[in-house]
Amino acid sequence: MRKLLMCTVLALSGMGCATTASSGGPAQVPAQANMDVEDSSASRRADPGINFNQDIRGRFTEAPLEGADLRIERAGWIRVDAGEEMEASKRLRRLAPTFDATVMAFNSHSVTFKMPSAKLEMLLETIENTAGWEMDEFDFSAWDRTGEYFSTEARIESGNAVKARLMKLLETAQTMDEVLKIHTGLEEIQKQLDGFSGQLRDIQLKAGRVDVVILFD
């Protein structure tokens, strides 16, 4: 029994020393804020049963922007035989609110819209049903930026965690050298976060939308 008590006391003493050693000493700054994170897009897969690119005369449909898990960016053009080009350009510009479209550029024979992808079919139908207009041809492309979106989100989350850790270390810094090192780390992290935020904003502005150039002949 005495030997058992001696062993217990020694074990407790060793644990106490280890705890003291781990809690003491000046704050340590991470050598490098590693922002690399695994792409989390694999865990956010869209329903494979949804067809976002219906092959009906090139028409596109997409889930509402607010509820879509996909981040699809589209662009394309439509060539229309409209007779009087300048009048057709003016007429189409006046219809922009119908498609929730923003007129990005226009001239006497063309109009460029940025609009929700979900309204693209409405635009095609309007052109088809307008008296005196005939749709000659069109072409659209799509870019799936879903993986990029969720990967960038994860990097921002990771960066904010590193930033929070550095802020705590700053509170316990004991020397000017430590303070300067932590400030350098914070500046680097903030620079990366600003870049990731810009990428995310770019995707948010373009996903679920389509840039359309309507050319009148």
N, C-alpha and C. Protein backbone atom coordinates (compact mmCIF):
# COMPACT_ATOMS: atom_id res chain seq x y z
N MET A 1 0.84 -1.21 0.00
CA MET A 1 0.00 0.00 0.00
C MET A 1 0.88 1.26 0.00
N ARG A 2 1.93 1.24 0.78
CA ARG A 2 2.81 2.41 0.85
C ARG A 2 3.45 2.68 -0.51
N LYS A 3 3.84 1.57 -1.19
CA LYS A 3 4.43 1.74 -2.52
C LYS A 3 3.41 2.32 -3.49
N LEU A 4 2.16 1.90 -3.36
CA LEU A 4 1.10 2.41 -4.24
C LEU A 4 0.88 3.90 -4.03
N LEU A 5 0.87 4.36 -2.77
CA LEU A 5 0.71 5.78 -2.47
C LEU A 5 1.88 6.58 -3.02
N MET A 6 3.09 6.02 -2.86
CA MET A 6 4.28 6.72 -3.37
C MET A 6 4.18 6.92 -4.88
N CYS A 7 3.72 5.88 -5.59
CA CYS A 7 3.59 5.97 -7.05
C CYS A 7 2.55 6.99 -7.44
N THR A 8 1.45 7.02 -6.67
CA THR A 8 0.37 7.97 -6.97
C THR A 8 0.85 9.40 -6.80
N VAL A 9 1.58 9.67 -5.70
CA VAL A 9 2.10 11.01 -5.44
C VAL A 9 3.05 11.43 -6.54
N LEU A 10 3.94 10.52 -6.94
CA LEU A 10 4.89 10.84 -8.00
C LEU A 10 4.18 11.13 -9.31
N ALA A 11 3.13 10.36 -9.61
CA ALA A 11 2.38 10.57 -10.86
C ALA A 11 1.71 11.92 -10.87
N LEU A 12 1.07 12.28 -9.72
CA LEU A 12 0.40 13.57 -9.63
C LEU A 12 1.40 14.71 -9.74
N SER A 13 2.57 14.53 -9.13
CA SER A 13 3.60 15.57 -9.21
C SER A 13 4.05 15.77 -10.64
N GLY A 14 4.20 14.68 -11.40
CA GLY A 14 4.61 14.79 -12.80
C GLY A 14 3.59 15.51 -13.64
N MET A 15 2.29 15.25 -13.38
CA MET A 15 1.23 15.92 -14.13
C MET A 15 1.24 17.40 -13.84
N GLY A 16 1.46 17.74 -12.58
CA GLY A 16 1.49 19.16 -12.21
C GLY A 16 2.62 19.88 -12.91
N CYS A 17 3.77 19.27 -13.00
CA CYS A 17 4.90 19.90 -13.68
C CYS A 17 4.62 20.09 -15.15
N ALA A 18 3.99 19.07 -15.75
CA ALA A 18 3.70 19.18 -17.18
C ALA A 18 2.73 20.30 -17.44
N THR A 19 1.71 20.43 -16.55
CA THR A 19 0.71 21.48 -16.73
C THR A 19 1.35 22.85 -16.61
N THR A 20 2.22 23.01 -15.60
CA THR A 20 2.88 24.29 -15.39
C THR A 20 3.74 24.65 -16.58
N ALA A 21 4.44 23.67 -17.12
CA ALA A 21 5.33 23.94 -18.25
C ALA A 21 4.55 24.37 -19.47
N SER A 22 3.35 23.76 -19.66
CA SER A 22 2.58 24.09 -20.85
C SER A 22 1.94 25.44 -20.76
N SER A 23 1.65 25.93 -19.53
CA SER A 23 0.96 27.21 -19.38
C SER A 23 1.91 28.38 -19.23
N GLY A 24 3.18 28.13 -18.98
CA GLY A 24 4.11 29.22 -18.75
C GLY A 24 4.78 29.68 -20.01
N GLY A 25 5.64 30.71 -19.89
CA GLY A 25 6.43 31.18 -21.01
C GLY A 25 5.70 32.21 -21.84
N PRO A 26 6.41 32.92 -22.70
CA PRO A 26 5.82 33.97 -23.53
C PRO A 26 4.93 33.39 -24.61
N ALA A 27 4.07 34.27 -25.17
CA ALA A 27 3.16 33.85 -26.23
C ALA A 27 3.95 33.47 -27.47
N GLN A 28 3.54 32.39 -28.14
CA GLN A 28 4.21 31.93 -29.35
C GLN A 28 3.38 32.29 -30.57
N VAL A 29 4.02 32.87 -31.56
CA VAL A 29 3.34 33.25 -32.79
C VAL A 29 3.47 32.12 -33.79
N PRO A 30 2.39 31.68 -34.44
CA PRO A 30 2.51 30.63 -35.46
C PRO A 30 3.51 31.06 -36.53
N ALA A 31 4.35 30.11 -36.95
CA ALA A 31 5.36 30.44 -37.95
C ALA A 31 4.73 30.92 -39.24
N GLN A 32 3.62 30.33 -39.62
CA GLN A 32 2.96 30.74 -40.86
C GLN A 32 1.48 30.44 -40.74
N ALA A 33 0.67 31.38 -41.15
CA ALA A 33 -0.77 31.17 -41.13
C ALA A 33 -1.14 30.39 -42.37
N ASN A 34 -1.34 29.11 -42.18
CA ASN A 34 -1.63 28.26 -43.34
C ASN A 34 -3.11 28.31 -43.64
N MET A 35 -3.43 28.88 -44.80
CA MET A 35 -4.84 29.06 -45.16
C MET A 35 -5.36 27.93 -46.03
N ASP A 36 -4.50 26.94 -46.35
CA ASP A 36 -4.95 25.88 -47.23
C ASP A 36 -5.95 25.00 -46.51
N VAL A 37 -7.11 24.85 -47.07
CA VAL A 37 -8.13 23.98 -46.51
C VAL A 37 -8.63 23.08 -47.61
N GLU A 38 -9.16 21.95 -47.20
CA GLU A 38 -9.67 21.02 -48.18
C GLU A 38 -10.95 21.56 -48.79
N ASP A 39 -11.13 21.29 -50.05
CA ASP A 39 -12.34 21.74 -50.75
C ASP A 39 -13.53 21.02 -50.15
N SER A 40 -14.46 21.80 -49.64
CA SER A 40 -15.63 21.22 -48.99
C SER A 40 -16.79 21.07 -49.93
N SER A 41 -16.55 21.31 -51.22
CA SER A 41 -17.67 21.25 -52.15
C SER A 41 -18.22 19.84 -52.28
N ALA A 42 -17.35 18.82 -52.02
CA ALA A 42 -17.81 17.44 -52.17
C ALA A 42 -18.94 17.12 -51.21
N SER A 43 -18.99 17.83 -50.08
CA SER A 43 -20.04 17.57 -49.10
C SER A 43 -21.31 18.31 -49.40
N ARG A 44 -21.30 19.12 -50.46
CA ARG A 44 -22.48 19.91 -50.79
C ARG A 44 -22.89 19.61 -52.22
N ARG A 45 -23.24 18.41 -52.52
CA ARG A 45 -23.57 18.03 -53.88
C ARG A 45 -25.03 18.36 -54.18
N ALA A 46 -25.25 18.81 -55.41
CA ALA A 46 -26.61 19.13 -55.83
C ALA A 46 -27.36 17.86 -56.14
N ASP A 47 -28.67 17.92 -56.10
CA ASP A 47 -29.54 16.81 -56.43
C ASP A 47 -29.31 16.41 -57.88
N PRO A 48 -28.82 15.17 -58.14
CA PRO A 48 -28.53 14.77 -59.52
C PRO A 48 -29.78 14.66 -60.37
N GLY A 49 -30.95 14.66 -59.75
CA GLY A 49 -32.19 14.54 -60.50
C GLY A 49 -32.63 15.84 -61.14
N ILE A 50 -32.02 16.96 -60.78
CA ILE A 50 -32.41 18.26 -61.32
C ILE A 50 -31.64 18.52 -62.60
N ASN A 51 -32.36 18.86 -63.65
CA ASN A 51 -31.73 19.19 -64.92
C ASN A 51 -31.72 20.69 -65.09
N PHE A 52 -30.53 21.28 -64.97
CA PHE A 52 -30.41 22.73 -65.04
C PHE A 52 -30.16 23.22 -66.47
N ASN A 53 -29.98 22.32 -67.39
CA ASN A 53 -29.73 22.72 -68.77
C ASN A 53 -30.62 21.88 -69.69
N GLN A 54 -31.86 22.28 -69.81
CA GLN A 54 -32.80 21.54 -70.62
C GLN A 54 -32.51 21.79 -72.09
N ASP A 55 -32.44 20.70 -72.87
CA ASP A 55 -32.10 20.83 -74.28
C ASP A 55 -33.37 21.06 -75.09
N ILE A 56 -33.98 22.22 -74.90
CA ILE A 56 -35.18 22.60 -75.64
C ILE A 56 -34.86 23.90 -76.37
N ARG A 57 -34.39 23.78 -77.59
CA ARG A 57 -34.00 24.94 -78.37
C ARG A 57 -33.00 25.81 -77.61
N GLY A 58 -32.17 25.16 -76.80
CA GLY A 58 -31.14 25.91 -76.09
C GLY A 58 -31.66 26.63 -74.87
N ARG A 59 -32.90 26.31 -74.40
CA ARG A 59 -33.46 27.03 -73.27
C ARG A 59 -32.77 26.59 -71.98
N PHE A 60 -32.75 27.50 -71.01
CA PHE A 60 -32.15 27.20 -69.70
C PHE A 60 -33.19 27.46 -68.62
N THR A 61 -33.22 26.60 -67.63
CA THR A 61 -34.01 26.87 -66.43
C THR A 61 -33.11 26.61 -65.23
N GLU A 62 -33.39 27.29 -64.14
CA GLU A 62 -32.55 27.15 -62.95
C GLU A 62 -33.39 27.41 -61.72
N ALA A 63 -33.03 26.75 -60.62
CA ALA A 63 -33.74 26.98 -59.37
C ALA A 63 -33.61 28.44 -58.96
N PRO A 64 -34.54 28.94 -58.15
CA PRO A 64 -34.45 30.34 -57.70
C PRO A 64 -33.09 30.63 -57.10
N LEU A 65 -32.60 31.84 -57.34
CA LEU A 65 -31.25 32.21 -56.90
C LEU A 65 -31.06 31.99 -55.41
N GLU A 66 -32.10 32.31 -54.60
CA GLU A 66 -31.95 32.22 -53.14
C GLU A 66 -31.83 30.78 -52.67
N GLY A 67 -32.47 29.83 -53.38
CA GLY A 67 -32.49 28.47 -52.88
C GLY A 67 -31.56 27.52 -53.62
N ALA A 68 -30.82 28.01 -54.59
CA ALA A 68 -29.97 27.13 -55.40
C ALA A 68 -28.68 26.80 -54.67
N ASP A 69 -28.31 25.49 -54.68
CA ASP A 69 -27.03 25.08 -54.11
C ASP A 69 -25.92 25.23 -55.14
N LEU A 70 -26.30 25.28 -56.42
CA LEU A 70 -25.30 25.45 -57.47
C LEU A 70 -25.02 26.93 -57.69
N ARG A 71 -23.80 27.19 -58.11
CA ARG A 71 -23.42 28.56 -58.46
C ARG A 71 -22.99 28.53 -59.93
N ILE A 72 -23.97 28.76 -60.83
CA ILE A 72 -23.74 28.66 -62.26
C ILE A 72 -23.68 30.06 -62.87
N GLU A 73 -22.63 30.31 -63.64
CA GLU A 73 -22.47 31.57 -64.36
C GLU A 73 -22.66 31.29 -65.85
N ARG A 74 -23.45 32.14 -66.53
CA ARG A 74 -23.73 31.92 -67.94
C ARG A 74 -23.48 33.17 -68.77
N ALA A 75 -23.24 32.95 -70.04
CA ALA A 75 -23.08 34.06 -70.99
C ALA A 75 -23.41 33.55 -72.38
N GLY A 76 -23.91 34.44 -73.23
CA GLY A 76 -24.24 34.03 -74.59
C GLY A 76 -24.76 35.18 -75.42
N TRP A 77 -25.21 34.85 -76.62
CA TRP A 77 -25.71 35.88 -77.53
C TRP A 77 -26.90 35.34 -78.32
N ILE A 78 -27.71 36.27 -78.81
CA ILE A 78 -28.88 35.94 -79.63
C ILE A 78 -28.85 36.86 -80.85
N ARG A 79 -29.00 36.28 -82.02
CA ARG A 79 -29.05 37.08 -83.25
C ARG A 79 -30.50 37.13 -83.73
N VAL A 80 -30.99 38.36 -83.94
CA VAL A 80 -32.40 38.56 -84.28
C VAL A 80 -32.53 39.39 -85.56
N ASP A 81 -33.38 38.90 -86.45
CA ASP A 81 -33.72 39.67 -87.65
C ASP A 81 -34.92 40.53 -87.30
N ALA A 82 -34.70 41.84 -87.14
CA ALA A 82 -35.76 42.72 -86.64
C ALA A 82 -36.11 43.85 -87.60
N GLY A 83 -35.53 43.88 -88.79
CA GLY A 83 -35.85 44.95 -89.72
C GLY A 83 -35.14 46.24 -89.34
N GLU A 84 -35.85 47.15 -88.69
CA GLU A 84 -35.29 48.42 -88.25
C GLU A 84 -34.49 48.20 -86.97
N GLU A 85 -33.17 48.20 -87.07
CA GLU A 85 -32.31 47.84 -85.96
C GLU A 85 -32.38 48.84 -84.81
N MET A 86 -32.33 50.12 -85.11
CA MET A 86 -32.32 51.13 -84.06
C MET A 86 -33.62 51.11 -83.26
N GLU A 87 -34.74 50.96 -83.94
CA GLU A 87 -36.03 50.90 -83.25
C GLU A 87 -36.12 49.64 -82.40
N ALA A 88 -35.58 48.53 -82.91
CA ALA A 88 -35.60 47.27 -82.16
C ALA A 88 -34.75 47.39 -80.90
N SER A 89 -33.60 48.05 -81.00
CA SER A 89 -32.73 48.24 -79.83
C SER A 89 -33.45 49.05 -78.76
N LYS A 90 -34.11 50.11 -79.17
CA LYS A 90 -34.84 50.94 -78.22
C LYS A 90 -35.99 50.16 -77.57
N ARG A 91 -36.69 49.39 -78.37
CA ARG A 91 -37.84 48.62 -77.87
C ARG A 91 -37.40 47.59 -76.83
N LEU A 92 -36.31 46.91 -77.11
CA LEU A 92 -35.83 45.89 -76.18
C LEU A 92 -35.33 46.50 -74.88
N ARG A 93 -34.67 47.64 -74.96
CA ARG A 93 -34.19 48.30 -73.73
C ARG A 93 -35.35 48.66 -72.82
N ARG A 94 -36.47 49.07 -73.39
CA ARG A 94 -37.63 49.42 -72.59
C ARG A 94 -38.26 48.20 -71.91
N LEU A 95 -37.98 47.02 -72.46
CA LEU A 95 -38.51 45.78 -71.88
C LEU A 95 -37.61 45.22 -70.78
N ALA A 96 -36.47 45.83 -70.53
CA ALA A 96 -35.50 45.31 -69.55
C ALA A 96 -36.12 44.99 -68.18
N PRO A 97 -36.97 45.87 -67.61
CA PRO A 97 -37.55 45.56 -66.29
C PRO A 97 -38.37 44.28 -66.28
N THR A 98 -38.92 43.90 -67.43
CA THR A 98 -39.71 42.66 -67.52
C THR A 98 -38.88 41.45 -67.16
N PHE A 99 -37.61 41.49 -67.49
CA PHE A 99 -36.71 40.36 -67.24
C PHE A 99 -35.80 40.60 -66.03
N ASP A 100 -36.08 41.64 -65.24
CA ASP A 100 -35.19 42.02 -64.13
C ASP A 100 -33.77 42.20 -64.64
N ALA A 101 -33.66 42.76 -65.83
CA ALA A 101 -32.36 42.90 -66.49
C ALA A 101 -31.78 44.29 -66.30
N THR A 102 -30.46 44.33 -66.24
CA THR A 102 -29.72 45.59 -66.24
C THR A 102 -29.09 45.77 -67.61
N VAL A 103 -29.30 46.93 -68.20
CA VAL A 103 -28.69 47.22 -69.50
C VAL A 103 -27.23 47.57 -69.28
N MET A 104 -26.34 46.69 -69.71
CA MET A 104 -24.91 46.89 -69.51
C MET A 104 -24.27 47.69 -70.64
N ALA A 105 -24.82 47.53 -71.84
CA ALA A 105 -24.30 48.26 -73.00
C ALA A 105 -25.34 48.22 -74.10
N PHE A 106 -25.31 49.20 -74.99
CA PHE A 106 -26.22 49.19 -76.14
C PHE A 106 -25.72 50.17 -77.19
N ASN A 107 -26.16 49.92 -78.42
CA ASN A 107 -25.91 50.84 -79.52
C ASN A 107 -27.07 50.69 -80.52
N SER A 108 -26.88 51.18 -81.72
CA SER A 108 -27.99 51.19 -82.68
C SER A 108 -28.40 49.81 -83.18
N HIS A 109 -27.57 48.79 -82.96
CA HIS A 109 -27.92 47.46 -83.47
C HIS A 109 -27.69 46.33 -82.45
N SER A 110 -27.48 46.65 -81.18
CA SER A 110 -27.31 45.59 -80.18
C SER A 110 -27.63 46.10 -78.78
N VAL A 111 -27.98 45.16 -77.90
CA VAL A 111 -28.24 45.45 -76.49
C VAL A 111 -27.60 44.34 -75.66
N THR A 112 -26.94 44.71 -74.56
CA THR A 112 -26.34 43.73 -73.66
C THR A 112 -27.05 43.79 -72.32
N PHE A 113 -27.57 42.64 -71.88
CA PHE A 113 -28.28 42.53 -70.60
C PHE A 113 -27.45 41.70 -69.62
N LYS A 114 -27.53 42.04 -68.34
CA LYS A 114 -27.17 41.14 -67.24
C LYS A 114 -28.46 40.87 -66.51
N MET A 115 -28.85 39.60 -66.39
CA MET A 115 -30.17 39.28 -65.88
C MET A 115 -30.16 37.91 -65.20
N PRO A 116 -31.20 37.59 -64.40
CA PRO A 116 -31.28 36.27 -63.78
C PRO A 116 -31.40 35.18 -64.83
N SER A 117 -30.70 34.07 -64.63
CA SER A 117 -30.78 32.96 -65.57
C SER A 117 -32.20 32.42 -65.69
N ALA A 118 -32.94 32.51 -64.59
CA ALA A 118 -34.31 31.99 -64.59
C ALA A 118 -35.22 32.77 -65.53
N LYS A 119 -34.81 33.98 -65.92
CA LYS A 119 -35.64 34.80 -66.82
C LYS A 119 -35.19 34.67 -68.28
N LEU A 120 -34.20 33.83 -68.55
CA LEU A 120 -33.69 33.73 -69.92
C LEU A 120 -34.73 33.19 -70.88
N GLU A 121 -35.48 32.18 -70.46
CA GLU A 121 -36.50 31.62 -71.35
C GLU A 121 -37.58 32.65 -71.65
N MET A 122 -37.91 33.48 -70.67
CA MET A 122 -38.89 34.54 -70.90
C MET A 122 -38.39 35.50 -71.98
N LEU A 123 -37.09 35.82 -71.94
CA LEU A 123 -36.52 36.70 -72.96
C LEU A 123 -36.63 36.06 -74.35
N LEU A 124 -36.29 34.77 -74.44
CA LEU A 124 -36.37 34.07 -75.72
C LEU A 124 -37.80 34.05 -76.25
N GLU A 125 -38.75 33.79 -75.37
CA GLU A 125 -40.15 33.75 -75.79
C GLU A 125 -40.63 35.13 -76.24
N THR A 126 -40.20 36.17 -75.53
CA THR A 126 -40.59 37.53 -75.91
C THR A 126 -40.07 37.88 -77.30
N ILE A 127 -38.83 37.51 -77.57
CA ILE A 127 -38.26 37.77 -78.90
C ILE A 127 -39.02 37.00 -79.97
N GLU A 128 -39.33 35.72 -79.67
CA GLU A 128 -40.05 34.88 -80.63
C GLU A 128 -41.45 35.43 -80.94
N ASN A 129 -42.11 35.97 -79.92
CA ASN A 129 -43.50 36.39 -80.05
C ASN A 129 -43.67 37.84 -80.47
N THR A 130 -42.58 38.56 -80.65
CA THR A 130 -42.67 39.96 -81.05
C THR A 130 -42.86 40.05 -82.57
N ALA A 131 -43.92 40.72 -82.96
CA ALA A 131 -44.23 40.85 -84.39
C ALA A 131 -43.10 41.55 -85.13
N GLY A 132 -42.71 40.98 -86.25
CA GLY A 132 -41.64 41.56 -87.06
C GLY A 132 -40.25 41.11 -86.66
N TRP A 133 -40.13 40.34 -85.56
CA TRP A 133 -38.83 39.84 -85.13
C TRP A 133 -38.74 38.34 -85.42
N GLU A 134 -37.57 37.91 -85.83
CA GLU A 134 -37.32 36.49 -86.05
C GLU A 134 -35.95 36.13 -85.49
N MET A 135 -35.93 35.14 -84.59
CA MET A 135 -34.68 34.73 -83.96
C MET A 135 -33.91 33.83 -84.92
N ASP A 136 -32.76 34.28 -85.37
CA ASP A 136 -31.97 33.52 -86.35
C ASP A 136 -31.14 32.42 -85.69
N GLU A 137 -30.38 32.78 -84.66
CA GLU A 137 -29.52 31.80 -83.99
C GLU A 137 -29.10 32.34 -82.62
N PHE A 138 -28.61 31.46 -81.79
CA PHE A 138 -28.12 31.86 -80.46
C PHE A 138 -27.12 30.85 -79.95
N ASP A 139 -26.35 31.25 -78.95
CA ASP A 139 -25.34 30.36 -78.37
C ASP A 139 -25.08 30.79 -76.94
N PHE A 140 -25.09 29.83 -76.00
CA PHE A 140 -24.85 30.12 -74.59
C PHE A 140 -23.87 29.12 -74.00
N SER A 141 -23.07 29.59 -73.06
CA SER A 141 -22.14 28.73 -72.33
C SER A 141 -22.38 28.91 -70.83
N ALA A 142 -21.99 27.89 -70.06
CA ALA A 142 -22.19 27.93 -68.61
C ALA A 142 -20.92 27.49 -67.90
N TRP A 143 -20.65 28.09 -66.74
CA TRP A 143 -19.49 27.74 -65.91
C TRP A 143 -19.99 27.43 -64.50
N ASP A 144 -19.67 26.21 -64.06
CA ASP A 144 -20.07 25.80 -62.71
C ASP A 144 -19.00 26.25 -61.72
N ARG A 145 -19.34 27.21 -60.87
CA ARG A 145 -18.39 27.75 -59.90
C ARG A 145 -18.75 27.33 -58.47
N THR A 146 -19.53 26.23 -58.37
CA THR A 146 -19.98 25.77 -57.06
C THR A 146 -18.81 25.38 -56.16
N GLY A 147 -17.89 24.57 -56.70
CA GLY A 147 -16.73 24.15 -55.91
C GLY A 147 -15.89 25.32 -55.46
N GLU A 148 -15.67 26.26 -56.37
CA GLU A 148 -14.88 27.45 -56.05
C GLU A 148 -15.55 28.26 -54.94
N TYR A 149 -16.88 28.34 -55.00
CA TYR A 149 -17.63 29.13 -54.01
C TYR A 149 -17.46 28.54 -52.61
N PHE A 150 -17.74 27.24 -52.46
CA PHE A 150 -17.68 26.64 -51.13
C PHE A 150 -16.24 26.50 -50.63
N SER A 151 -15.29 26.31 -51.55
CA SER A 151 -13.88 26.26 -51.15
C SER A 151 -13.43 27.61 -50.60
N THR A 152 -13.86 28.68 -51.26
CA THR A 152 -13.50 30.03 -50.80
C THR A 152 -14.17 30.33 -49.46
N GLU A 153 -15.41 29.90 -49.30
CA GLU A 153 -16.10 30.07 -48.02
C GLU A 153 -15.31 29.41 -46.89
N ALA A 154 -14.84 28.18 -47.15
CA ALA A 154 -14.09 27.44 -46.13
C ALA A 154 -12.77 28.14 -45.80
N ARG A 155 -12.12 28.70 -46.79
CA ARG A 155 -10.87 29.42 -46.55
C ARG A 155 -11.10 30.67 -45.70
N ILE A 156 -12.21 31.34 -45.95
CA ILE A 156 -12.53 32.52 -45.13
C ILE A 156 -12.77 32.11 -43.68
N GLU A 157 -13.50 31.01 -43.50
CA GLU A 157 -13.76 30.52 -42.14
C GLU A 157 -12.46 30.15 -41.43
N SER A 158 -11.57 29.47 -42.15
CA SER A 158 -10.28 29.08 -41.57
C SER A 158 -9.44 30.30 -41.24
N GLY A 159 -9.44 31.28 -42.14
CA GLY A 159 -8.67 32.50 -41.92
C GLY A 159 -9.16 33.28 -40.71
N ASN A 160 -10.46 33.34 -40.54
CA ASN A 160 -11.02 34.05 -39.38
C ASN A 160 -10.63 33.35 -38.08
N ALA A 161 -10.55 32.02 -38.12
CA ALA A 161 -10.14 31.27 -36.93
C ALA A 161 -8.68 31.59 -36.57
N VAL A 162 -7.82 31.64 -37.58
CA VAL A 162 -6.41 31.99 -37.34
C VAL A 162 -6.29 33.41 -36.82
N LYS A 163 -7.08 34.31 -37.39
CA LYS A 163 -7.06 35.71 -36.96
C LYS A 163 -7.48 35.83 -35.49
N ALA A 164 -8.51 35.09 -35.09
CA ALA A 164 -8.96 35.13 -33.70
C ALA A 164 -7.88 34.61 -32.76
N ARG A 165 -7.16 33.58 -33.21
CA ARG A 165 -6.09 33.03 -32.38
C ARG A 165 -4.96 34.05 -32.20
N LEU A 166 -4.61 34.73 -33.28
CA LEU A 166 -3.55 35.75 -33.20
C LEU A 166 -3.96 36.90 -32.29
N MET A 167 -5.23 37.27 -32.32
CA MET A 167 -5.71 38.35 -31.45
C MET A 167 -5.57 37.97 -29.98
N LYS A 168 -5.83 36.70 -29.67
CA LYS A 168 -5.67 36.25 -28.29
C LYS A 168 -4.19 36.26 -27.89
N LEU A 169 -3.33 35.84 -28.82
CA LEU A 169 -1.90 35.87 -28.53
C LEU A 169 -1.40 37.29 -28.31
N LEU A 170 -1.99 38.23 -29.02
CA LEU A 170 -1.59 39.63 -28.88
C LEU A 170 -1.87 40.13 -27.47
N GLU A 171 -2.95 39.65 -26.87
CA GLU A 171 -3.31 40.07 -25.52
C GLU A 171 -2.30 39.59 -24.48
N THR A 172 -1.63 38.49 -24.78
CA THR A 172 -0.69 37.92 -23.80
C THR A 172 0.78 38.15 -24.18
N ALA A 173 1.01 38.90 -25.24
CA ALA A 173 2.39 39.17 -25.67
C ALA A 173 3.14 39.93 -24.57
N GLN A 174 4.40 39.53 -24.34
CA GLN A 174 5.18 40.10 -23.24
C GLN A 174 6.31 41.01 -23.69
N THR A 175 6.66 40.94 -24.97
CA THR A 175 7.75 41.78 -25.47
C THR A 175 7.31 42.50 -26.74
N MET A 176 8.03 43.57 -27.06
CA MET A 176 7.72 44.32 -28.28
C MET A 176 7.97 43.46 -29.52
N ASP A 177 8.96 42.60 -29.46
CA ASP A 177 9.26 41.73 -30.59
C ASP A 177 8.07 40.80 -30.89
N GLU A 178 7.47 40.27 -29.82
CA GLU A 178 6.30 39.40 -29.99
C GLU A 178 5.13 40.18 -30.59
N VAL A 179 4.93 41.40 -30.11
CA VAL A 179 3.83 42.23 -30.63
C VAL A 179 4.01 42.48 -32.12
N LEU A 180 5.24 42.80 -32.53
CA LEU A 180 5.50 43.08 -33.94
C LEU A 180 5.28 41.84 -34.81
N LYS A 181 5.70 40.68 -34.32
CA LYS A 181 5.51 39.45 -35.07
C LYS A 181 4.02 39.14 -35.23
N ILE A 182 3.26 39.33 -34.17
CA ILE A 182 1.82 39.06 -34.24
C ILE A 182 1.14 40.02 -35.20
N HIS A 183 1.53 41.29 -35.15
CA HIS A 183 0.95 42.28 -36.06
C HIS A 183 1.25 41.92 -37.52
N THR A 184 2.45 41.43 -37.77
CA THR A 184 2.80 41.01 -39.13
C THR A 184 1.91 39.85 -39.58
N GLY A 185 1.70 38.90 -38.66
CA GLY A 185 0.82 37.78 -38.97
C GLY A 185 -0.60 38.22 -39.24
N LEU A 186 -1.10 39.17 -38.44
CA LEU A 186 -2.46 39.68 -38.63
C LEU A 186 -2.60 40.39 -39.97
N GLU A 187 -1.60 41.15 -40.36
CA GLU A 187 -1.65 41.85 -41.65
C GLU A 187 -1.70 40.85 -42.81
N GLU A 188 -0.92 39.79 -42.70
CA GLU A 188 -0.89 38.78 -43.76
C GLU A 188 -2.24 38.06 -43.86
N ILE A 189 -2.79 37.71 -42.70
CA ILE A 189 -4.09 37.03 -42.69
C ILE A 189 -5.17 37.93 -43.28
N GLN A 190 -5.17 39.20 -42.89
CA GLN A 190 -6.19 40.13 -43.38
C GLN A 190 -6.09 40.30 -44.90
N LYS A 191 -4.86 40.31 -45.40
CA LYS A 191 -4.65 40.44 -46.85
C LYS A 191 -5.27 39.24 -47.58
N GLN A 192 -5.06 38.04 -47.03
CA GLN A 192 -5.64 36.85 -47.64
C GLN A 192 -7.16 36.86 -47.53
N LEU A 193 -7.67 37.27 -46.38
CA LEU A 193 -9.12 37.33 -46.20
C LEU A 193 -9.77 38.31 -47.18
N ASP A 194 -9.12 39.44 -47.40
CA ASP A 194 -9.66 40.42 -48.36
C ASP A 194 -9.72 39.82 -49.76
N GLY A 195 -8.68 39.07 -50.12
CA GLY A 195 -8.66 38.44 -51.44
C GLY A 195 -9.75 37.40 -51.59
N PHE A 196 -9.93 36.56 -50.55
CA PHE A 196 -10.98 35.55 -50.59
C PHE A 196 -12.37 36.18 -50.63
N SER A 197 -12.55 37.26 -49.87
CA SER A 197 -13.84 37.95 -49.87
C SER A 197 -14.16 38.51 -51.24
N GLY A 198 -13.14 39.01 -51.93
CA GLY A 198 -13.34 39.52 -53.28
C GLY A 198 -13.75 38.41 -54.24
N GLN A 199 -13.12 37.23 -54.13
CA GLN A 199 -13.49 36.10 -54.97
C GLN A 199 -14.93 35.67 -54.71
N LEU A 200 -15.29 35.62 -53.43
CA LEU A 200 -16.65 35.20 -53.08
C LEU A 200 -17.67 36.20 -53.61
N ARG A 201 -17.36 37.48 -53.50
CA ARG A 201 -18.27 38.51 -53.99
C ARG A 201 -18.45 38.41 -55.50
N ASP A 202 -17.37 38.12 -56.21
CA ASP A 202 -17.44 37.98 -57.66
C ASP A 202 -18.37 36.84 -58.05
N ILE A 203 -18.25 35.71 -57.35
CA ILE A 203 -19.12 34.57 -57.64
C ILE A 203 -20.57 34.90 -57.32
N GLN A 204 -20.79 35.56 -56.18
CA GLN A 204 -22.14 35.91 -55.79
C GLN A 204 -22.81 36.84 -56.79
N LEU A 205 -22.03 37.74 -57.38
CA LEU A 205 -22.59 38.69 -58.34
C LEU A 205 -22.91 38.03 -59.69
N LYS A 206 -22.17 36.97 -60.03
CA LYS A 206 -22.34 36.35 -61.35
C LYS A 206 -23.15 35.06 -61.33
N ALA A 207 -23.14 34.34 -60.22
CA ALA A 207 -23.85 33.07 -60.15
C ALA A 207 -25.36 33.29 -60.25
N GLY A 208 -26.02 32.41 -61.01
CA GLY A 208 -27.46 32.53 -61.17
C GLY A 208 -27.85 33.63 -62.13
N ARG A 209 -26.87 34.21 -62.82
CA ARG A 209 -27.13 35.29 -63.76
C ARG A 209 -26.50 34.98 -65.11
N VAL A 210 -26.98 35.66 -66.12
CA VAL A 210 -26.49 35.44 -67.47
C VAL A 210 -26.24 36.78 -68.14
N ASP A 211 -25.13 36.88 -68.84
CA ASP A 211 -24.83 38.05 -69.67
C ASP A 211 -25.27 37.72 -71.09
N VAL A 212 -26.19 38.51 -71.63
CA VAL A 212 -26.76 38.24 -72.95
C VAL A 212 -26.53 39.43 -73.88
N VAL A 213 -26.01 39.15 -75.05
CA VAL A 213 -25.88 40.17 -76.09
C VAL A 213 -26.91 39.85 -77.17
N ILE A 214 -27.84 40.78 -77.41
CA ILE A 214 -28.84 40.61 -78.46
C ILE A 214 -28.41 41.45 -79.66
N LEU A 215 -28.16 40.79 -80.76
CA LEU A 215 -27.68 41.44 -81.99
C LEU A 215 -28.82 41.53 -83.00
N PHE A 216 -29.11 42.72 -83.48
CA PHE A 216 -30.18 42.91 -84.46
C PHE A 216 -29.59 43.06 -85.86
N ASP A 217 -30.16 42.30 -86.80
CA ASP A 217 -29.74 42.37 -88.20
C ASP A 217 -30.83 43.09 -89.02
